[in-house]
Amino acid sequence: MRRAATTIAVAVTRHPLAWGLAWALLIGALIVVGVVAEWPFTVMSALLVLLLAPSAVATVIVLSATPRNHLAERSSVFGHFFVRFLTLVLAFFAWSGSVVLGAAISTSIQLEAEGREDEVVDTGLAIMSVLLPFVGVVLWVAFIVRCAFYLGRIRGWRGHPSRTEVPDRVLAHRPEGRAAIIALANPTLLLLTGLVASFGVLIGIELELVVDL
């Protein structure tokens, strides 16, 4: 048993990205089976966590160990201002959407409560309980995309980058483990598993709402 575990560990270390993709495909297939078979919500949640776990753990290790000054030499003046411009544009659209959404929610609450003040708060809380999960998932997707963007700057988009900005002290005593962590912290793998997990959560929320209705 120990010899088999060692063999698997060596194989994963030598081909971490291939194993990461195989893991994602395996858990993804189980998620599809679970949706068809209507497995319990707790089981499906555990599968979504397992789907994201390898790339997420590796991403946390890489990003938390890499200082921001390691990115300075890869950021041009144009790129700096272009990212700020996109941020301002997106912030404006988000603010505009929040104004429209706030007005729509206020109107919906008044219509639903039919002018009865004692039902306004309850109706508002019910609407927020529906909206908050969706907002949380959207913010999570934005976080995943942001992490993938920085991973691309730190270690590139290749499966086995020849040069990275990850400090040499990270797992210096275990070079094979270091290579495996950097390979698993692949921005494409993180985007794939993160977006699939996010859409899975959205589908689960939608199904729960349909059941409640």
N, C-alpha and C. Protein backbone atom coordinates (compact mmCIF):
# COMPACT_ATOMS: atom_id res chain seq x y z
N MET A 1 0.83 -1.21 0.00
CA MET A 1 0.00 0.00 0.00
C MET A 1 0.87 1.26 0.00
N ARG A 2 1.92 1.26 0.85
CA ARG A 2 2.81 2.43 0.92
C ARG A 2 3.55 2.62 -0.40
N ARG A 3 3.95 1.51 -1.01
CA ARG A 3 4.67 1.61 -2.28
C ARG A 3 3.77 2.18 -3.37
N ALA A 4 2.50 1.77 -3.38
CA ALA A 4 1.56 2.30 -4.37
C ALA A 4 1.33 3.78 -4.16
N ALA A 5 1.20 4.19 -2.87
CA ALA A 5 1.00 5.61 -2.57
C ALA A 5 2.21 6.43 -3.01
N THR A 6 3.42 5.88 -2.79
CA THR A 6 4.64 6.58 -3.21
C THR A 6 4.70 6.72 -4.72
N THR A 7 4.30 5.66 -5.42
CA THR A 7 4.30 5.70 -6.89
C THR A 7 3.34 6.75 -7.42
N ILE A 8 2.16 6.81 -6.81
CA ILE A 8 1.17 7.82 -7.23
C ILE A 8 1.69 9.22 -6.94
N ALA A 9 2.31 9.39 -5.76
CA ALA A 9 2.83 10.71 -5.39
C ALA A 9 3.91 11.17 -6.38
N VAL A 10 4.80 10.25 -6.77
CA VAL A 10 5.85 10.59 -7.73
C VAL A 10 5.25 10.95 -9.08
N ALA A 11 4.23 10.19 -9.51
CA ALA A 11 3.58 10.47 -10.80
C ALA A 11 2.90 11.83 -10.79
N VAL A 12 2.24 12.15 -9.69
CA VAL A 12 1.58 13.45 -9.58
C VAL A 12 2.61 14.58 -9.59
N THR A 13 3.73 14.37 -8.92
CA THR A 13 4.78 15.39 -8.88
C THR A 13 5.39 15.62 -10.26
N ARG A 14 5.56 14.56 -11.03
CA ARG A 14 6.18 14.70 -12.34
C ARG A 14 5.22 15.29 -13.38
N HIS A 15 3.93 15.02 -13.24
CA HIS A 15 2.95 15.52 -14.20
C HIS A 15 1.77 16.17 -13.46
N PRO A 16 2.03 17.23 -12.72
CA PRO A 16 0.97 17.81 -11.87
C PRO A 16 -0.18 18.41 -12.66
N LEU A 17 0.11 19.08 -13.78
CA LEU A 17 -0.96 19.70 -14.56
C LEU A 17 -1.88 18.65 -15.18
N ALA A 18 -1.28 17.57 -15.70
CA ALA A 18 -2.09 16.50 -16.27
C ALA A 18 -2.98 15.86 -15.21
N TRP A 19 -2.43 15.66 -14.01
CA TRP A 19 -3.23 15.11 -12.92
C TRP A 19 -4.30 16.11 -12.47
N GLY A 20 -3.98 17.39 -12.49
CA GLY A 20 -4.98 18.40 -12.13
C GLY A 20 -6.15 18.40 -13.10
N LEU A 21 -5.86 18.30 -14.39
CA LEU A 21 -6.93 18.25 -15.39
C LEU A 21 -7.73 16.95 -15.27
N ALA A 22 -7.02 15.84 -15.03
CA ALA A 22 -7.73 14.57 -14.86
C ALA A 22 -8.64 14.61 -13.63
N TRP A 23 -8.15 15.22 -12.56
CA TRP A 23 -8.97 15.37 -11.35
C TRP A 23 -10.21 16.22 -11.63
N ALA A 24 -10.02 17.32 -12.36
CA ALA A 24 -11.15 18.20 -12.69
C ALA A 24 -12.18 17.46 -13.54
N LEU A 25 -11.72 16.67 -14.51
CA LEU A 25 -12.65 15.92 -15.36
C LEU A 25 -13.40 14.86 -14.56
N LEU A 26 -12.69 14.19 -13.65
CA LEU A 26 -13.32 13.16 -12.83
C LEU A 26 -14.40 13.75 -11.93
N ILE A 27 -14.06 14.81 -11.21
CA ILE A 27 -15.04 15.44 -10.31
C ILE A 27 -16.16 16.07 -11.13
N GLY A 28 -15.83 16.65 -12.29
CA GLY A 28 -16.87 17.21 -13.15
C GLY A 28 -17.86 16.15 -13.61
N ALA A 29 -17.35 14.96 -13.94
CA ALA A 29 -18.24 13.86 -14.33
C ALA A 29 -19.14 13.44 -13.17
N LEU A 30 -18.58 13.40 -11.97
CA LEU A 30 -19.39 13.07 -10.80
C LEU A 30 -20.46 14.13 -10.54
N ILE A 31 -20.13 15.39 -10.79
CA ILE A 31 -21.11 16.46 -10.60
C ILE A 31 -22.26 16.29 -11.58
N VAL A 32 -21.94 15.95 -12.83
CA VAL A 32 -23.00 15.73 -13.83
C VAL A 32 -23.89 14.56 -13.40
N VAL A 33 -23.28 13.48 -12.93
CA VAL A 33 -24.05 12.33 -12.44
C VAL A 33 -24.92 12.74 -11.26
N GLY A 34 -24.35 13.55 -10.36
CA GLY A 34 -25.10 14.00 -9.20
C GLY A 34 -26.30 14.85 -9.57
N VAL A 35 -26.14 15.71 -10.58
CA VAL A 35 -27.27 16.53 -11.02
C VAL A 35 -28.37 15.66 -11.60
N VAL A 36 -27.99 14.69 -12.42
CA VAL A 36 -28.98 13.80 -13.03
C VAL A 36 -29.65 12.94 -11.98
N ALA A 37 -28.86 12.43 -11.02
CA ALA A 37 -29.41 11.55 -9.99
C ALA A 37 -30.01 12.30 -8.81
N GLU A 38 -29.91 13.64 -8.83
CA GLU A 38 -30.46 14.48 -7.76
C GLU A 38 -29.88 14.12 -6.40
N TRP A 39 -28.54 14.11 -6.33
CA TRP A 39 -27.87 13.86 -5.06
C TRP A 39 -28.14 15.00 -4.09
N PRO A 40 -27.98 14.76 -2.80
CA PRO A 40 -28.24 15.81 -1.79
C PRO A 40 -27.35 17.03 -1.99
N PHE A 41 -27.82 18.16 -1.50
CA PHE A 41 -27.11 19.43 -1.66
C PHE A 41 -25.73 19.37 -1.00
N THR A 42 -25.62 18.70 0.15
CA THR A 42 -24.34 18.63 0.84
C THR A 42 -23.31 17.85 0.03
N VAL A 43 -23.74 16.79 -0.63
CA VAL A 43 -22.83 16.00 -1.45
C VAL A 43 -22.35 16.81 -2.64
N MET A 44 -23.28 17.53 -3.28
CA MET A 44 -22.91 18.34 -4.44
C MET A 44 -21.97 19.48 -4.03
N SER A 45 -22.21 20.05 -2.86
CA SER A 45 -21.33 21.11 -2.37
C SER A 45 -19.92 20.58 -2.13
N ALA A 46 -19.84 19.39 -1.55
CA ALA A 46 -18.53 18.78 -1.31
C ALA A 46 -17.80 18.51 -2.63
N LEU A 47 -18.53 18.09 -3.64
CA LEU A 47 -17.91 17.84 -4.95
C LEU A 47 -17.38 19.14 -5.56
N LEU A 48 -18.14 20.22 -5.42
CA LEU A 48 -17.68 21.51 -5.95
C LEU A 48 -16.41 21.98 -5.23
N VAL A 49 -16.35 21.74 -3.92
CA VAL A 49 -15.14 22.10 -3.17
C VAL A 49 -13.96 21.25 -3.63
N LEU A 50 -14.19 19.95 -3.82
CA LEU A 50 -13.12 19.07 -4.28
C LEU A 50 -12.65 19.44 -5.69
N LEU A 51 -13.59 19.89 -6.52
CA LEU A 51 -13.23 20.29 -7.88
C LEU A 51 -12.22 21.44 -7.86
N LEU A 52 -12.44 22.40 -7.00
CA LEU A 52 -11.61 23.60 -6.97
C LEU A 52 -10.37 23.45 -6.08
N ALA A 53 -10.37 22.47 -5.19
CA ALA A 53 -9.36 22.40 -4.14
C ALA A 53 -7.91 22.37 -4.64
N PRO A 54 -7.51 21.50 -5.58
CA PRO A 54 -6.08 21.45 -5.96
C PRO A 54 -5.55 22.76 -6.49
N SER A 55 -6.24 23.35 -7.46
CA SER A 55 -5.76 24.61 -8.04
C SER A 55 -5.88 25.75 -7.05
N ALA A 56 -6.93 25.74 -6.21
CA ALA A 56 -7.13 26.83 -5.25
C ALA A 56 -6.04 26.81 -4.18
N VAL A 57 -5.73 25.64 -3.65
CA VAL A 57 -4.70 25.53 -2.62
C VAL A 57 -3.35 25.95 -3.18
N ALA A 58 -3.02 25.47 -4.39
CA ALA A 58 -1.76 25.86 -5.01
C ALA A 58 -1.71 27.36 -5.28
N THR A 59 -2.85 27.93 -5.69
CA THR A 59 -2.91 29.37 -5.95
C THR A 59 -2.67 30.17 -4.68
N VAL A 60 -3.28 29.76 -3.59
CA VAL A 60 -3.09 30.45 -2.32
C VAL A 60 -1.62 30.41 -1.90
N ILE A 61 -0.98 29.26 -2.06
CA ILE A 61 0.42 29.13 -1.68
C ILE A 61 1.30 30.05 -2.52
N VAL A 62 1.07 30.06 -3.84
CA VAL A 62 1.90 30.87 -4.74
C VAL A 62 1.67 32.36 -4.52
N LEU A 63 0.41 32.78 -4.46
CA LEU A 63 0.12 34.21 -4.34
C LEU A 63 0.49 34.76 -2.97
N SER A 64 0.28 33.97 -1.91
CA SER A 64 0.59 34.45 -0.57
C SER A 64 2.11 34.54 -0.34
N ALA A 65 2.89 33.77 -1.08
CA ALA A 65 4.35 33.77 -0.89
C ALA A 65 5.07 34.75 -1.80
N THR A 66 4.35 35.34 -2.76
CA THR A 66 5.00 36.22 -3.73
C THR A 66 4.72 37.68 -3.40
N PRO A 67 5.74 38.47 -3.07
CA PRO A 67 5.53 39.89 -2.78
C PRO A 67 5.07 40.65 -4.02
N ARG A 68 4.38 41.76 -3.82
CA ARG A 68 3.88 42.55 -4.92
C ARG A 68 5.01 43.17 -5.74
N ASN A 69 6.16 43.45 -5.10
CA ASN A 69 7.24 44.08 -5.85
C ASN A 69 7.84 43.17 -6.91
N HIS A 70 7.50 41.87 -6.88
CA HIS A 70 7.96 40.97 -7.92
C HIS A 70 7.23 41.21 -9.23
N LEU A 71 6.13 41.96 -9.18
CA LEU A 71 5.35 42.23 -10.39
C LEU A 71 5.72 43.55 -11.04
N ALA A 72 6.51 44.36 -10.37
CA ALA A 72 6.76 45.72 -10.84
C ALA A 72 7.39 45.74 -12.22
N GLU A 73 8.33 44.85 -12.47
CA GLU A 73 9.05 44.89 -13.73
C GLU A 73 8.22 44.40 -14.90
N ARG A 74 7.06 43.79 -14.65
CA ARG A 74 6.21 43.29 -15.72
C ARG A 74 5.01 44.19 -15.99
N SER A 75 4.94 45.31 -15.35
CA SER A 75 3.81 46.21 -15.51
C SER A 75 4.26 47.46 -16.25
N SER A 76 3.72 47.68 -17.46
CA SER A 76 4.06 48.86 -18.24
C SER A 76 3.17 50.03 -17.82
N VAL A 77 3.57 51.23 -18.21
CA VAL A 77 2.78 52.41 -17.90
C VAL A 77 1.42 52.33 -18.59
N PHE A 78 1.41 51.93 -19.87
CA PHE A 78 0.15 51.82 -20.59
C PHE A 78 -0.76 50.78 -19.93
N GLY A 79 -0.19 49.61 -19.59
CA GLY A 79 -0.99 48.58 -18.94
C GLY A 79 -1.56 49.06 -17.62
N HIS A 80 -0.78 49.81 -16.87
CA HIS A 80 -1.24 50.33 -15.59
C HIS A 80 -2.46 51.23 -15.77
N PHE A 81 -2.38 52.18 -16.69
CA PHE A 81 -3.48 53.12 -16.88
C PHE A 81 -4.67 52.47 -17.58
N PHE A 82 -4.41 51.50 -18.46
CA PHE A 82 -5.51 50.82 -19.14
C PHE A 82 -6.34 50.01 -18.16
N VAL A 83 -5.67 49.33 -17.22
CA VAL A 83 -6.40 48.58 -16.20
C VAL A 83 -7.21 49.52 -15.32
N ARG A 84 -6.65 50.67 -14.96
CA ARG A 84 -7.40 51.64 -14.17
C ARG A 84 -8.60 52.17 -14.93
N PHE A 85 -8.44 52.37 -16.25
CA PHE A 85 -9.55 52.84 -17.07
C PHE A 85 -10.68 51.82 -17.09
N LEU A 86 -10.34 50.55 -17.31
CA LEU A 86 -11.35 49.50 -17.32
C LEU A 86 -12.04 49.40 -15.96
N THR A 87 -11.28 49.58 -14.89
CA THR A 87 -11.87 49.54 -13.56
C THR A 87 -12.89 50.64 -13.36
N LEU A 88 -12.57 51.85 -13.83
CA LEU A 88 -13.51 52.96 -13.71
C LEU A 88 -14.77 52.72 -14.54
N VAL A 89 -14.60 52.19 -15.75
CA VAL A 89 -15.76 51.91 -16.60
C VAL A 89 -16.66 50.86 -15.95
N LEU A 90 -16.06 49.78 -15.47
CA LEU A 90 -16.85 48.74 -14.82
C LEU A 90 -17.52 49.25 -13.54
N ALA A 91 -16.81 50.11 -12.80
CA ALA A 91 -17.40 50.68 -11.59
C ALA A 91 -18.60 51.55 -11.93
N PHE A 92 -18.52 52.31 -13.03
CA PHE A 92 -19.65 53.15 -13.43
C PHE A 92 -20.86 52.29 -13.80
N PHE A 93 -20.62 51.23 -14.58
CA PHE A 93 -21.73 50.36 -14.95
C PHE A 93 -22.32 49.66 -13.72
N ALA A 94 -21.46 49.27 -12.78
CA ALA A 94 -21.95 48.63 -11.56
C ALA A 94 -22.79 49.62 -10.74
N TRP A 95 -22.32 50.86 -10.66
CA TRP A 95 -23.09 51.88 -9.92
C TRP A 95 -24.43 52.15 -10.60
N SER A 96 -24.43 52.27 -11.93
CA SER A 96 -25.67 52.50 -12.66
C SER A 96 -26.64 51.34 -12.47
N GLY A 97 -26.11 50.12 -12.56
CA GLY A 97 -26.97 48.96 -12.35
C GLY A 97 -27.53 48.89 -10.95
N SER A 98 -26.72 49.30 -9.96
CA SER A 98 -27.21 49.27 -8.58
C SER A 98 -28.33 50.28 -8.37
N VAL A 99 -28.25 51.45 -9.05
CA VAL A 99 -29.31 52.45 -8.94
C VAL A 99 -30.62 51.90 -9.51
N VAL A 100 -30.52 51.31 -10.72
CA VAL A 100 -31.71 50.74 -11.36
C VAL A 100 -32.27 49.58 -10.54
N LEU A 101 -31.37 48.71 -10.06
CA LEU A 101 -31.81 47.56 -9.27
C LEU A 101 -32.45 48.00 -7.97
N GLY A 102 -31.86 49.03 -7.33
CA GLY A 102 -32.44 49.53 -6.08
C GLY A 102 -33.84 50.08 -6.29
N ALA A 103 -34.03 50.82 -7.38
CA ALA A 103 -35.36 51.36 -7.68
C ALA A 103 -36.35 50.23 -7.97
N ALA A 104 -35.90 49.22 -8.70
CA ALA A 104 -36.78 48.10 -9.01
C ALA A 104 -37.17 47.33 -7.76
N ILE A 105 -36.19 47.12 -6.87
CA ILE A 105 -36.49 46.41 -5.61
C ILE A 105 -37.47 47.21 -4.77
N SER A 106 -37.25 48.52 -4.68
CA SER A 106 -38.15 49.36 -3.88
C SER A 106 -39.57 49.29 -4.42
N THR A 107 -39.70 49.36 -5.75
CA THR A 107 -41.03 49.29 -6.35
C THR A 107 -41.66 47.92 -6.12
N SER A 108 -40.86 46.87 -6.26
CA SER A 108 -41.38 45.51 -6.06
C SER A 108 -41.86 45.31 -4.63
N ILE A 109 -41.10 45.85 -3.67
CA ILE A 109 -41.50 45.71 -2.27
C ILE A 109 -42.82 46.41 -2.02
N GLN A 110 -42.97 47.61 -2.54
CA GLN A 110 -44.22 48.35 -2.34
C GLN A 110 -45.41 47.64 -2.97
N LEU A 111 -45.20 47.09 -4.18
CA LEU A 111 -46.30 46.39 -4.84
C LEU A 111 -46.64 45.09 -4.12
N GLU A 112 -45.59 44.38 -3.67
CA GLU A 112 -45.83 43.11 -3.00
C GLU A 112 -46.50 43.32 -1.66
N ALA A 113 -46.07 44.35 -0.93
CA ALA A 113 -46.65 44.60 0.39
C ALA A 113 -47.99 45.29 0.31
N GLU A 114 -48.35 45.82 -0.88
CA GLU A 114 -49.65 46.47 -1.10
C GLU A 114 -49.90 47.57 -0.09
N GLY A 115 -48.84 48.32 0.19
CA GLY A 115 -49.00 49.47 1.08
C GLY A 115 -49.03 49.13 2.55
N ARG A 116 -48.93 47.87 2.92
CA ARG A 116 -48.97 47.48 4.33
C ARG A 116 -47.56 47.58 4.90
N GLU A 117 -47.35 48.53 5.78
CA GLU A 117 -46.02 48.83 6.29
C GLU A 117 -45.40 47.65 7.03
N ASP A 118 -46.24 46.85 7.67
CA ASP A 118 -45.71 45.75 8.47
C ASP A 118 -45.12 44.64 7.60
N GLU A 119 -45.44 44.63 6.29
CA GLU A 119 -44.93 43.60 5.40
C GLU A 119 -43.76 44.09 4.54
N VAL A 120 -43.47 45.36 4.62
CA VAL A 120 -42.41 45.91 3.78
C VAL A 120 -41.06 45.29 4.13
N VAL A 121 -40.72 45.24 5.41
CA VAL A 121 -39.43 44.70 5.85
C VAL A 121 -39.32 43.22 5.50
N ASP A 122 -40.38 42.46 5.76
CA ASP A 122 -40.34 41.03 5.46
C ASP A 122 -40.15 40.78 3.97
N THR A 123 -40.84 41.55 3.14
CA THR A 123 -40.70 41.40 1.70
C THR A 123 -39.30 41.78 1.25
N GLY A 124 -38.77 42.86 1.82
CA GLY A 124 -37.41 43.28 1.48
C GLY A 124 -36.38 42.23 1.84
N LEU A 125 -36.51 41.63 3.03
CA LEU A 125 -35.58 40.58 3.45
C LEU A 125 -35.69 39.36 2.56
N ALA A 126 -36.90 39.03 2.12
CA ALA A 126 -37.09 37.88 1.23
C ALA A 126 -36.40 38.12 -0.11
N ILE A 127 -36.53 39.33 -0.63
CA ILE A 127 -35.87 39.65 -1.90
C ILE A 127 -34.35 39.61 -1.75
N MET A 128 -33.84 40.16 -0.64
CA MET A 128 -32.40 40.16 -0.43
C MET A 128 -31.85 38.75 -0.25
N SER A 129 -32.62 37.88 0.37
CA SER A 129 -32.17 36.50 0.54
C SER A 129 -32.01 35.79 -0.79
N VAL A 130 -32.75 36.24 -1.81
CA VAL A 130 -32.62 35.67 -3.15
C VAL A 130 -31.44 36.29 -3.89
N LEU A 131 -31.24 37.60 -3.70
CA LEU A 131 -30.21 38.31 -4.46
C LEU A 131 -28.80 38.08 -3.92
N LEU A 132 -28.67 37.99 -2.59
CA LEU A 132 -27.34 37.92 -1.99
C LEU A 132 -26.51 36.74 -2.50
N PRO A 133 -27.06 35.52 -2.62
CA PRO A 133 -26.24 34.42 -3.14
C PRO A 133 -25.71 34.69 -4.54
N PHE A 134 -26.55 35.29 -5.40
CA PHE A 134 -26.10 35.59 -6.75
C PHE A 134 -24.99 36.64 -6.73
N VAL A 135 -25.14 37.65 -5.90
CA VAL A 135 -24.10 38.68 -5.78
C VAL A 135 -22.80 38.06 -5.26
N GLY A 136 -22.92 37.17 -4.29
CA GLY A 136 -21.74 36.50 -3.75
C GLY A 136 -21.01 35.69 -4.82
N VAL A 137 -21.76 34.99 -5.66
CA VAL A 137 -21.13 34.19 -6.72
C VAL A 137 -20.45 35.10 -7.74
N VAL A 138 -21.10 36.21 -8.10
CA VAL A 138 -20.49 37.15 -9.05
C VAL A 138 -19.18 37.71 -8.50
N LEU A 139 -19.17 38.08 -7.22
CA LEU A 139 -17.94 38.58 -6.60
C LEU A 139 -16.87 37.49 -6.55
N TRP A 140 -17.29 36.27 -6.31
CA TRP A 140 -16.34 35.15 -6.28
C TRP A 140 -15.72 34.95 -7.66
N VAL A 141 -16.54 35.03 -8.72
CA VAL A 141 -16.01 34.90 -10.08
C VAL A 141 -14.99 36.00 -10.37
N ALA A 142 -15.31 37.22 -9.95
CA ALA A 142 -14.37 38.32 -10.13
C ALA A 142 -13.06 38.06 -9.39
N PHE A 143 -13.15 37.49 -8.20
CA PHE A 143 -11.96 37.15 -7.42
C PHE A 143 -11.13 36.09 -8.13
N ILE A 144 -11.78 35.07 -8.68
CA ILE A 144 -11.08 34.00 -9.39
C ILE A 144 -10.36 34.56 -10.61
N VAL A 145 -11.05 35.42 -11.37
CA VAL A 145 -10.45 36.01 -12.57
C VAL A 145 -9.24 36.87 -12.18
N ARG A 146 -9.37 37.62 -11.10
CA ARG A 146 -8.27 38.46 -10.64
C ARG A 146 -7.07 37.61 -10.22
N CYS A 147 -7.32 36.53 -9.49
CA CYS A 147 -6.22 35.64 -9.10
C CYS A 147 -5.56 35.01 -10.32
N ALA A 148 -6.36 34.60 -11.30
CA ALA A 148 -5.80 34.01 -12.52
C ALA A 148 -4.94 35.02 -13.26
N PHE A 149 -5.37 36.27 -13.27
CA PHE A 149 -4.60 37.33 -13.93
C PHE A 149 -3.22 37.47 -13.28
N TYR A 150 -3.18 37.48 -11.96
CA TYR A 150 -1.90 37.61 -11.28
C TYR A 150 -1.06 36.35 -11.40
N LEU A 151 -1.70 35.20 -11.43
CA LEU A 151 -0.93 33.97 -11.66
C LEU A 151 -0.25 34.02 -13.02
N GLY A 152 -0.95 34.54 -14.04
CA GLY A 152 -0.36 34.66 -15.35
C GLY A 152 0.86 35.57 -15.35
N ARG A 153 0.84 36.59 -14.51
CA ARG A 153 1.98 37.50 -14.42
C ARG A 153 3.13 36.90 -13.61
N ILE A 154 2.79 36.07 -12.63
CA ILE A 154 3.82 35.52 -11.74
C ILE A 154 4.51 34.30 -12.35
N ARG A 155 3.70 33.37 -12.91
CA ARG A 155 4.31 32.13 -13.39
C ARG A 155 3.98 31.82 -14.85
N GLY A 156 3.26 32.74 -15.53
CA GLY A 156 2.94 32.51 -16.93
C GLY A 156 1.78 31.54 -17.09
N TRP A 157 1.42 31.27 -18.35
CA TRP A 157 0.27 30.42 -18.65
C TRP A 157 0.68 29.03 -19.10
N ARG A 158 1.96 28.75 -19.15
CA ARG A 158 2.41 27.42 -19.57
C ARG A 158 2.23 26.41 -18.46
N GLY A 159 2.18 25.13 -18.87
CA GLY A 159 2.02 24.08 -17.88
C GLY A 159 3.22 23.96 -16.97
N HIS A 160 4.41 24.05 -17.53
CA HIS A 160 5.65 23.97 -16.76
C HIS A 160 6.52 25.17 -17.14
N PRO A 161 6.31 26.29 -16.50
CA PRO A 161 7.09 27.50 -16.85
C PRO A 161 8.56 27.32 -16.51
N SER A 162 9.41 27.84 -17.38
CA SER A 162 10.85 27.75 -17.15
C SER A 162 11.34 28.82 -16.18
N ARG A 163 10.58 29.91 -16.05
CA ARG A 163 10.97 31.00 -15.16
C ARG A 163 9.72 31.59 -14.52
N THR A 164 9.78 31.82 -13.22
CA THR A 164 8.64 32.38 -12.49
C THR A 164 9.13 33.48 -11.55
N GLU A 165 8.16 34.19 -11.00
CA GLU A 165 8.46 35.22 -9.99
C GLU A 165 8.24 34.70 -8.57
N VAL A 166 7.98 33.40 -8.43
CA VAL A 166 7.78 32.82 -7.10
C VAL A 166 9.12 32.81 -6.37
N PRO A 167 9.19 33.32 -5.14
CA PRO A 167 10.46 33.37 -4.41
C PRO A 167 11.10 31.99 -4.27
N ASP A 168 12.42 31.97 -4.32
CA ASP A 168 13.15 30.71 -4.24
C ASP A 168 12.96 30.00 -2.90
N ARG A 169 12.59 30.76 -1.85
CA ARG A 169 12.46 30.15 -0.53
C ARG A 169 11.23 29.25 -0.41
N VAL A 170 10.27 29.38 -1.32
CA VAL A 170 9.04 28.58 -1.26
C VAL A 170 9.36 27.13 -1.59
N LEU A 171 9.20 26.26 -0.59
CA LEU A 171 9.46 24.83 -0.73
C LEU A 171 10.86 24.57 -1.31
N ALA A 172 11.84 25.36 -0.86
CA ALA A 172 13.20 25.21 -1.37
C ALA A 172 13.78 23.84 -1.02
N HIS A 173 13.35 23.28 0.11
CA HIS A 173 13.88 21.98 0.53
C HIS A 173 13.20 20.81 -0.18
N ARG A 174 12.14 21.12 -0.93
CA ARG A 174 11.43 20.07 -1.68
C ARG A 174 11.19 20.56 -3.10
N PRO A 175 12.17 20.46 -3.96
CA PRO A 175 12.05 21.00 -5.33
C PRO A 175 10.93 20.35 -6.14
N GLU A 176 10.70 19.05 -5.93
CA GLU A 176 9.62 18.40 -6.67
C GLU A 176 8.26 18.93 -6.23
N GLY A 177 8.11 19.13 -4.92
CA GLY A 177 6.86 19.70 -4.42
C GLY A 177 6.66 21.12 -4.91
N ARG A 178 7.74 21.89 -4.99
CA ARG A 178 7.67 23.26 -5.50
C ARG A 178 7.20 23.26 -6.94
N ALA A 179 7.78 22.38 -7.76
CA ALA A 179 7.38 22.30 -9.16
C ALA A 179 5.91 21.90 -9.31
N ALA A 180 5.46 20.98 -8.43
CA ALA A 180 4.07 20.54 -8.49
C ALA A 180 3.12 21.67 -8.13
N ILE A 181 3.45 22.43 -7.08
CA ILE A 181 2.59 23.54 -6.65
C ILE A 181 2.51 24.60 -7.73
N ILE A 182 3.65 24.95 -8.33
CA ILE A 182 3.65 25.98 -9.38
C ILE A 182 2.87 25.51 -10.60
N ALA A 183 2.99 24.22 -10.92
CA ALA A 183 2.25 23.69 -12.07
C ALA A 183 0.75 23.66 -11.81
N LEU A 184 0.35 23.28 -10.59
CA LEU A 184 -1.07 23.24 -10.26
C LEU A 184 -1.67 24.63 -10.16
N ALA A 185 -0.83 25.63 -9.85
CA ALA A 185 -1.31 27.01 -9.79
C ALA A 185 -1.36 27.59 -11.20
N ASN A 186 -1.92 26.85 -12.12
CA ASN A 186 -2.03 27.28 -13.50
C ASN A 186 -3.27 28.16 -13.66
N PRO A 187 -3.14 29.36 -14.23
CA PRO A 187 -4.30 30.24 -14.33
C PRO A 187 -5.46 29.65 -15.15
N THR A 188 -5.12 28.88 -16.19
CA THR A 188 -6.19 28.25 -16.98
C THR A 188 -6.94 27.22 -16.16
N LEU A 189 -6.21 26.41 -15.41
CA LEU A 189 -6.84 25.41 -14.55
C LEU A 189 -7.69 26.07 -13.48
N LEU A 190 -7.19 27.17 -12.91
CA LEU A 190 -7.96 27.89 -11.89
C LEU A 190 -9.23 28.47 -12.47
N LEU A 191 -9.14 29.07 -13.65
CA LEU A 191 -10.33 29.62 -14.30
C LEU A 191 -11.34 28.52 -14.62
N LEU A 192 -10.86 27.41 -15.14
CA LEU A 192 -11.75 26.31 -15.51
C LEU A 192 -12.51 25.78 -14.30
N THR A 193 -11.77 25.41 -13.26
CA THR A 193 -12.42 24.83 -12.08
C THR A 193 -13.23 25.88 -11.31
N GLY A 194 -12.71 27.12 -11.24
CA GLY A 194 -13.42 28.16 -10.51
C GLY A 194 -14.73 28.54 -11.16
N LEU A 195 -14.74 28.68 -12.49
CA LEU A 195 -15.96 29.04 -13.19
C LEU A 195 -16.97 27.90 -13.17
N VAL A 196 -16.50 26.66 -13.33
CA VAL A 196 -17.42 25.52 -13.27
C VAL A 196 -18.05 25.43 -11.88
N ALA A 197 -17.24 25.60 -10.83
CA ALA A 197 -17.79 25.57 -9.47
C ALA A 197 -18.78 26.70 -9.25
N SER A 198 -18.49 27.88 -9.79
CA SER A 198 -19.39 29.03 -9.62
C SER A 198 -20.72 28.79 -10.32
N PHE A 199 -20.66 28.30 -11.56
CA PHE A 199 -21.90 28.01 -12.28
C PHE A 199 -22.66 26.87 -11.60
N GLY A 200 -21.94 25.93 -11.03
CA GLY A 200 -22.61 24.87 -10.28
C GLY A 200 -23.37 25.40 -9.09
N VAL A 201 -22.77 26.37 -8.39
CA VAL A 201 -23.47 26.99 -7.26
C VAL A 201 -24.71 27.74 -7.74
N LEU A 202 -24.58 28.47 -8.85
CA LEU A 202 -25.73 29.20 -9.39
C LEU A 202 -26.86 28.25 -9.79
N ILE A 203 -26.50 27.14 -10.41
CA ILE A 203 -27.52 26.16 -10.80
C ILE A 203 -28.19 25.58 -9.55
N GLY A 204 -27.37 25.31 -8.50
CA GLY A 204 -27.95 24.79 -7.25
C GLY A 204 -28.89 25.79 -6.62
N ILE A 205 -28.53 27.07 -6.64
CA ILE A 205 -29.40 28.10 -6.07
C ILE A 205 -30.71 28.18 -6.87
N GLU A 206 -30.59 28.11 -8.20
CA GLU A 206 -31.78 28.18 -9.05
C GLU A 206 -32.71 27.00 -8.78
N LEU A 207 -32.12 25.81 -8.62
CA LEU A 207 -32.95 24.63 -8.35
C LEU A 207 -33.64 24.74 -6.99
N GLU A 208 -32.92 25.29 -5.99
CA GLU A 208 -33.52 25.47 -4.68
C GLU A 208 -34.70 26.44 -4.75
N LEU A 209 -34.53 27.52 -5.53
CA LEU A 209 -35.62 28.49 -5.67
C LEU A 209 -36.82 27.86 -6.35
N VAL A 210 -36.56 27.03 -7.37
CA VAL A 210 -37.68 26.37 -8.07
C VAL A 210 -38.42 25.44 -7.12
N VAL A 211 -37.66 24.70 -6.29
CA VAL A 211 -38.30 23.80 -5.33
C VAL A 211 -39.14 24.57 -4.32
N ASP A 212 -38.60 25.72 -3.86
CA ASP A 212 -39.35 26.52 -2.89
C ASP A 212 -40.63 27.09 -3.48
N LEU A 213 -40.56 27.46 -4.78
CA LEU A 213 -41.75 27.97 -5.42
C LEU A 213 -42.77 26.87 -5.68
